[in-house]
Protein backbone atom coordinates (compact mmCIF):
# COMPACT_ATOMS: atom_id res chain seq x y z
CA MET A 1 0.00 0.00 0.00
CA THR A 2 1.38 3.38 -0.98
CA ILE A 3 1.64 6.38 1.33
CA ASP A 4 -1.07 8.19 -0.68
CA GLN A 5 -3.46 5.26 -0.23
CA LYS A 6 -2.79 5.24 3.51
CA LYS A 7 -3.43 9.01 3.70
CA LYS A 8 -6.76 8.62 1.86
CA ILE A 9 -7.88 5.87 4.25
CA LYS A 10 -6.83 7.93 7.27
CA ALA A 11 -8.66 11.01 5.93
CA LYS A 12 -11.84 8.97 5.40
CA VAL A 13 -11.73 7.55 8.93
CA MET A 14 -11.05 10.97 10.46
CA SER A 15 -13.87 12.68 8.54
CA SER A 16 -16.28 9.99 9.73
CA PHE A 17 -15.10 10.49 13.32
CA GLU A 18 -15.42 14.28 13.10
CA GLU A 19 -18.92 13.99 11.67
CA LYS A 20 -20.07 11.69 14.49
CA ASN A 21 -18.36 13.82 17.12
CA TYR A 22 -20.48 16.84 16.21
CA PRO A 23 -21.13 18.91 19.32
CA TYR A 24 -24.83 18.91 20.18
CA PHE A 25 -26.13 21.09 23.00
CA ILE A 26 -29.18 21.18 25.26
CA GLU A 27 -30.68 24.65 25.57
CA LEU A 28 -32.37 25.12 28.93
CA MET A 29 -35.46 27.30 29.49
CA ASP A 30 -33.29 30.18 30.72
CA GLY A 31 -31.15 30.06 27.54
CA GLU A 32 -28.17 28.30 29.14
CA LEU A 33 -26.45 25.80 26.84
CA ARG A 34 -25.21 22.47 28.16
CA PRO A 35 -22.92 20.50 25.86
CA ILE A 36 -23.92 16.90 25.24
CA CYS A 37 -21.12 14.41 25.90
CA THR A 38 -19.25 12.82 23.00
CA MET A 39 -20.80 9.37 23.53
CA ASP A 40 -24.31 10.79 23.34
CA CYS A 41 -23.36 12.85 20.26
CA ILE A 42 -22.27 9.63 18.58
CA ARG A 43 -25.52 7.95 19.65
CA ILE A 44 -27.53 10.90 18.26
CA PHE A 45 -25.65 10.70 14.95
CA ASP A 46 -26.31 6.94 14.74
CA LYS A 47 -30.00 7.44 15.64
CA LEU A 48 -30.36 10.09 12.90
CA ASP A 49 -28.79 7.65 10.44
CA GLU A 50 -31.15 4.89 11.63
CA LEU A 51 -34.20 7.16 11.26
CA LYS A 52 -33.20 7.99 7.67
CA LYS A 53 -33.35 4.28 6.84
CA LYS A 54 -36.34 3.40 9.03
CA PRO A 55 -38.42 6.53 9.79
CA ASP A 56 -40.99 4.58 11.83
CA ASN A 57 -38.50 3.57 14.53
CA ALA A 58 -38.72 5.18 17.96
CA PRO A 59 -37.15 8.66 17.77
CA THR A 60 -36.01 8.90 21.39
CA LEU A 61 -32.76 8.24 23.23
CA TRP A 62 -32.28 8.06 26.99
CA SER A 63 -29.12 9.73 28.26
CA PRO A 64 -28.10 8.45 31.70
CA ILE A 65 -25.31 11.03 31.86
CA HIS A 66 -27.63 14.01 31.42
CA TYR A 67 -30.71 12.35 32.94
CA CYS A 68 -32.81 13.23 29.93
CA ASN A 69 -34.89 11.77 27.15
CA ILE A 70 -33.86 13.17 23.75
CA ASN A 71 -36.39 13.21 20.92
CA ILE A 72 -34.34 13.14 17.74
CA LYS A 73 -37.16 13.97 15.29
CA ASN A 74 -38.27 17.23 16.88
CA MET A 75 -34.97 17.95 18.70
CA THR A 76 -36.52 18.35 22.14
CA VAL A 77 -35.26 17.16 25.51
CA VAL A 78 -37.15 16.18 28.64
CA MET A 79 -34.94 16.44 31.69
CA ASP A 80 -36.00 13.62 33.99
CA SER A 81 -34.15 11.25 36.27
CA LYS A 82 -36.53 8.41 35.33
CA PRO A 83 -36.89 7.56 31.62
CA ASN A 84 -40.29 5.96 31.99
């Protein structure tokens, strides 16, 4: 494998990582922004990808780190320590 081929593979992997690591935020009622952790950003990205393929799937994710239920379709968050 040539150096150029290795660089192309590395660039593809890094662009995928950067896309999934997109910084999402939760905006509170008072306007304060709380950053969502990297793991949840990756989960949100994967859920958006899943909903593109299967739009009838459940649009929500539970975040145990932020104690919230995230609705991916309408981009709302319910802060609650109990997901159900």
